[in-house]
């Protein structure tokens, strides 16, 4: 809920979904990160009970690398923004 509150305070007419959609498009079109890493970064549920039962990790290190690449793309990397 922090993001919608921030956007309201900034008086911006944008949605959180727009940010998520932009991130997903960027990840799919410009990176080589696997689909499951991108989906997990967005906290999407795993389709199918069988796959969900066998996937027990959180892909934390891979998600961290993905988010570092996103920060760099957005110009937020340390020393840049």
N, C-alpha and C. Protein backbone atom coordinates (compact mmCIF):
# COMPACT_ATOMS: atom_id res chain seq x y z
N UNK A 1 0.81 -1.20 0.00
CA UNK A 1 0.00 0.00 0.00
C UNK A 1 0.85 1.27 0.00
N UNK A 2 2.14 1.14 0.21
CA UNK A 2 3.00 2.33 0.27
C UNK A 2 3.05 3.07 -1.06
N UNK A 3 3.10 2.32 -2.16
CA UNK A 3 3.21 2.95 -3.47
C UNK A 3 1.98 3.80 -3.81
N UNK A 4 0.76 3.29 -3.66
CA UNK A 4 -0.41 4.12 -3.96
C UNK A 4 -0.47 5.38 -3.09
N UNK A 5 -0.07 5.25 -1.84
CA UNK A 5 -0.07 6.41 -0.93
C UNK A 5 0.93 7.44 -1.43
N UNK A 6 2.12 7.00 -1.80
CA UNK A 6 3.14 7.91 -2.32
C UNK A 6 2.65 8.62 -3.58
N UNK A 7 2.04 7.87 -4.48
CA UNK A 7 1.56 8.46 -5.72
C UNK A 7 0.47 9.50 -5.46
N UNK A 8 -0.42 9.24 -4.50
CA UNK A 8 -1.45 10.22 -4.15
C UNK A 8 -0.83 11.48 -3.57
N UNK A 9 0.15 11.31 -2.69
CA UNK A 9 0.82 12.46 -2.09
C UNK A 9 1.54 13.31 -3.12
N UNK A 10 2.05 12.64 -4.17
CA UNK A 10 2.74 13.36 -5.23
C UNK A 10 1.76 13.96 -6.24
N UNK A 11 0.48 13.70 -6.04
CA UNK A 11 -0.58 14.21 -6.90
C UNK A 11 -0.37 13.78 -8.36
N UNK A 12 0.05 12.54 -8.53
CA UNK A 12 0.26 11.98 -9.87
C UNK A 12 -0.94 11.14 -10.28
N UNK A 13 -1.31 11.24 -11.51
CA UNK A 13 -2.42 10.44 -12.02
C UNK A 13 -1.88 9.21 -12.75
N UNK A 14 -1.23 8.36 -12.00
CA UNK A 14 -0.68 7.11 -12.52
C UNK A 14 -1.09 5.99 -11.57
N UNK A 15 -0.96 4.76 -12.04
CA UNK A 15 -1.32 3.62 -11.21
C UNK A 15 -0.10 2.76 -10.90
N UNK A 16 -0.20 2.05 -9.82
CA UNK A 16 0.87 1.11 -9.46
C UNK A 16 0.97 0.05 -10.55
N UNK A 17 -0.17 -0.37 -11.07
CA UNK A 17 -0.15 -1.39 -12.11
C UNK A 17 0.66 -0.93 -13.31
N UNK A 18 0.62 0.35 -13.62
CA UNK A 18 1.41 0.87 -14.72
C UNK A 18 2.90 0.67 -14.49
N UNK A 19 3.36 0.87 -13.26
CA UNK A 19 4.76 0.65 -12.92
C UNK A 19 5.11 -0.83 -13.07
N UNK A 20 4.23 -1.69 -12.58
CA UNK A 20 4.48 -3.12 -12.66
C UNK A 20 4.51 -3.59 -14.11
N UNK A 21 3.59 -3.08 -14.91
CA UNK A 21 3.53 -3.44 -16.32
C UNK A 21 4.79 -2.97 -17.06
N UNK A 22 5.23 -1.77 -16.76
CA UNK A 22 6.45 -1.25 -17.38
C UNK A 22 7.65 -2.11 -17.02
N UNK A 23 7.75 -2.48 -15.75
CA UNK A 23 8.84 -3.35 -15.30
C UNK A 23 8.81 -4.68 -16.04
N UNK A 24 7.63 -5.27 -16.15
CA UNK A 24 7.52 -6.59 -16.79
C UNK A 24 7.87 -6.52 -18.27
N UNK A 25 7.41 -5.48 -18.94
CA UNK A 25 7.76 -5.30 -20.36
C UNK A 25 9.26 -5.13 -20.53
N UNK A 26 9.86 -4.30 -19.69
CA UNK A 26 11.31 -4.08 -19.76
C UNK A 26 12.06 -5.39 -19.54
N UNK A 27 11.67 -6.13 -18.51
CA UNK A 27 12.36 -7.38 -18.19
C UNK A 27 12.26 -8.38 -19.33
N UNK A 28 11.09 -8.49 -19.95
CA UNK A 28 10.89 -9.45 -21.02
C UNK A 28 11.59 -9.04 -22.31
N UNK A 29 11.57 -7.75 -22.61
CA UNK A 29 12.06 -7.29 -23.89
C UNK A 29 13.55 -6.94 -23.93
N UNK A 30 14.14 -6.62 -22.79
CA UNK A 30 15.52 -6.13 -22.82
C UNK A 30 16.50 -6.90 -21.95
N UNK A 31 16.02 -7.92 -21.22
CA UNK A 31 16.94 -8.68 -20.38
C UNK A 31 16.84 -10.17 -20.72
N UNK A 32 17.77 -10.92 -20.16
CA UNK A 32 17.76 -12.38 -20.34
C UNK A 32 17.36 -13.10 -19.06
N UNK A 33 16.77 -12.38 -18.11
CA UNK A 33 16.35 -13.03 -16.87
C UNK A 33 15.21 -14.00 -17.17
N UNK A 34 15.24 -15.18 -16.56
CA UNK A 34 14.18 -16.16 -16.80
C UNK A 34 12.81 -15.63 -16.37
N UNK A 35 11.79 -16.11 -17.06
CA UNK A 35 10.41 -15.71 -16.78
C UNK A 35 10.05 -15.90 -15.31
N UNK A 36 10.45 -17.02 -14.72
CA UNK A 36 10.07 -17.29 -13.34
C UNK A 36 10.68 -16.28 -12.36
N UNK A 37 11.87 -15.78 -12.67
CA UNK A 37 12.49 -14.76 -11.82
C UNK A 37 11.69 -13.46 -11.91
N UNK A 38 11.33 -13.09 -13.12
CA UNK A 38 10.55 -11.85 -13.32
C UNK A 38 9.19 -11.94 -12.65
N UNK A 39 8.53 -13.07 -12.80
CA UNK A 39 7.21 -13.24 -12.19
C UNK A 39 7.30 -13.25 -10.67
N UNK A 40 8.34 -13.88 -10.14
CA UNK A 40 8.48 -13.92 -8.69
C UNK A 40 8.81 -12.53 -8.14
N UNK A 41 9.54 -11.74 -8.91
CA UNK A 41 9.85 -10.37 -8.48
C UNK A 41 8.57 -9.55 -8.35
N UNK A 42 7.55 -9.89 -9.13
CA UNK A 42 6.27 -9.20 -9.06
C UNK A 42 5.31 -9.87 -8.09
N UNK A 43 5.78 -10.91 -7.40
CA UNK A 43 4.98 -11.66 -6.44
C UNK A 43 3.77 -12.30 -7.08
N UNK A 44 3.91 -12.71 -8.34
CA UNK A 44 2.82 -13.42 -9.00
C UNK A 44 2.78 -14.85 -8.51
N UNK A 45 1.60 -15.42 -8.46
CA UNK A 45 1.46 -16.80 -8.01
C UNK A 45 1.96 -17.75 -9.09
N UNK A 46 2.35 -18.93 -8.66
CA UNK A 46 2.85 -19.95 -9.57
C UNK A 46 1.65 -20.68 -10.16
N UNK A 47 1.57 -20.71 -11.49
CA UNK A 47 0.44 -21.41 -12.10
C UNK A 47 0.60 -22.92 -11.97
N UNK A 48 -0.40 -23.58 -11.55
CA UNK A 48 -0.37 -25.03 -11.45
C UNK A 48 0.11 -25.52 -10.10
N UNK A 49 -0.65 -26.43 -9.53
CA UNK A 49 -0.32 -26.97 -8.20
C UNK A 49 0.97 -27.78 -8.21
N UNK A 50 1.21 -28.52 -9.28
CA UNK A 50 2.40 -29.36 -9.34
C UNK A 50 3.67 -28.51 -9.32
N UNK A 51 3.72 -27.49 -10.17
CA UNK A 51 4.90 -26.62 -10.20
C UNK A 51 5.09 -25.92 -8.86
N UNK A 52 4.00 -25.43 -8.30
CA UNK A 52 4.08 -24.74 -7.00
C UNK A 52 4.59 -25.67 -5.91
N UNK A 53 4.22 -26.94 -5.96
CA UNK A 53 4.65 -27.90 -4.95
C UNK A 53 6.15 -28.16 -4.99
N UNK A 54 6.73 -28.09 -6.20
CA UNK A 54 8.15 -28.39 -6.33
C UNK A 54 9.05 -27.17 -6.25
N UNK A 55 8.51 -26.01 -6.44
CA UNK A 55 9.35 -24.81 -6.36
C UNK A 55 9.34 -24.31 -4.93
N UNK A 56 10.42 -24.51 -4.23
CA UNK A 56 10.47 -24.14 -2.81
C UNK A 56 11.40 -22.97 -2.53
N UNK A 57 12.27 -22.65 -3.47
CA UNK A 57 13.20 -21.55 -3.27
C UNK A 57 12.53 -20.21 -3.54
N UNK A 58 13.23 -19.15 -3.19
CA UNK A 58 12.67 -17.81 -3.41
C UNK A 58 13.42 -17.05 -4.51
N UNK A 59 14.45 -17.67 -5.10
CA UNK A 59 15.25 -17.05 -6.17
C UNK A 59 15.78 -15.67 -5.74
N UNK A 60 16.06 -15.53 -4.47
CA UNK A 60 16.42 -14.22 -3.93
C UNK A 60 17.61 -13.59 -4.65
N UNK A 61 18.70 -14.31 -4.80
CA UNK A 61 19.88 -13.73 -5.44
C UNK A 61 19.63 -13.35 -6.90
N UNK A 62 18.86 -14.16 -7.60
CA UNK A 62 18.52 -13.84 -8.99
C UNK A 62 17.59 -12.63 -9.05
N UNK A 63 16.64 -12.56 -8.11
CA UNK A 63 15.74 -11.40 -8.08
C UNK A 63 16.51 -10.13 -7.72
N UNK A 64 17.50 -10.26 -6.83
CA UNK A 64 18.31 -9.10 -6.47
C UNK A 64 19.06 -8.56 -7.68
N UNK A 65 19.63 -9.46 -8.47
CA UNK A 65 20.34 -9.04 -9.68
C UNK A 65 19.38 -8.38 -10.68
N UNK A 66 18.19 -8.93 -10.79
CA UNK A 66 17.18 -8.33 -11.66
C UNK A 66 16.83 -6.92 -11.20
N UNK A 67 16.64 -6.74 -9.92
CA UNK A 67 16.27 -5.43 -9.40
C UNK A 67 17.44 -4.44 -9.49
N UNK A 68 18.67 -4.92 -9.39
CA UNK A 68 19.82 -4.05 -9.60
C UNK A 68 19.86 -3.56 -11.05
N UNK A 69 19.55 -4.45 -11.99
CA UNK A 69 19.51 -4.07 -13.40
C UNK A 69 18.39 -3.06 -13.64
N UNK A 70 17.25 -3.26 -12.99
CA UNK A 70 16.12 -2.33 -13.11
C UNK A 70 16.50 -0.96 -12.55
N UNK A 71 17.17 -0.94 -11.41
CA UNK A 71 17.60 0.33 -10.81
C UNK A 71 18.57 1.06 -11.73
N UNK A 72 19.47 0.31 -12.33
CA UNK A 72 20.41 0.93 -13.26
C UNK A 72 19.68 1.50 -14.48
N UNK A 73 18.72 0.75 -15.00
CA UNK A 73 17.92 1.20 -16.14
C UNK A 73 17.15 2.49 -15.79
N UNK A 74 16.64 2.55 -14.57
CA UNK A 74 15.87 3.72 -14.14
C UNK A 74 16.76 4.89 -13.74
N UNK A 75 18.07 4.67 -13.72
CA UNK A 75 18.99 5.74 -13.36
C UNK A 75 19.09 5.94 -11.86
N UNK A 76 18.79 4.89 -11.09
CA UNK A 76 18.78 4.99 -9.63
C UNK A 76 19.99 4.32 -9.00
N UNK A 77 20.89 3.84 -9.79
CA UNK A 77 22.06 3.16 -9.26
C UNK A 77 22.89 4.16 -8.47
N UNK A 78 23.54 3.72 -7.42
CA UNK A 78 24.34 4.58 -6.57
C UNK A 78 25.28 5.45 -7.40
N UNK A 79 25.26 6.73 -7.13
CA UNK A 79 26.12 7.65 -7.85
C UNK A 79 25.50 8.21 -9.12
N UNK A 80 24.34 7.65 -9.53
CA UNK A 80 23.69 8.12 -10.74
C UNK A 80 22.45 8.96 -10.46
N UNK A 81 21.75 8.68 -9.40
CA UNK A 81 20.47 9.34 -9.21
C UNK A 81 20.16 9.64 -7.83
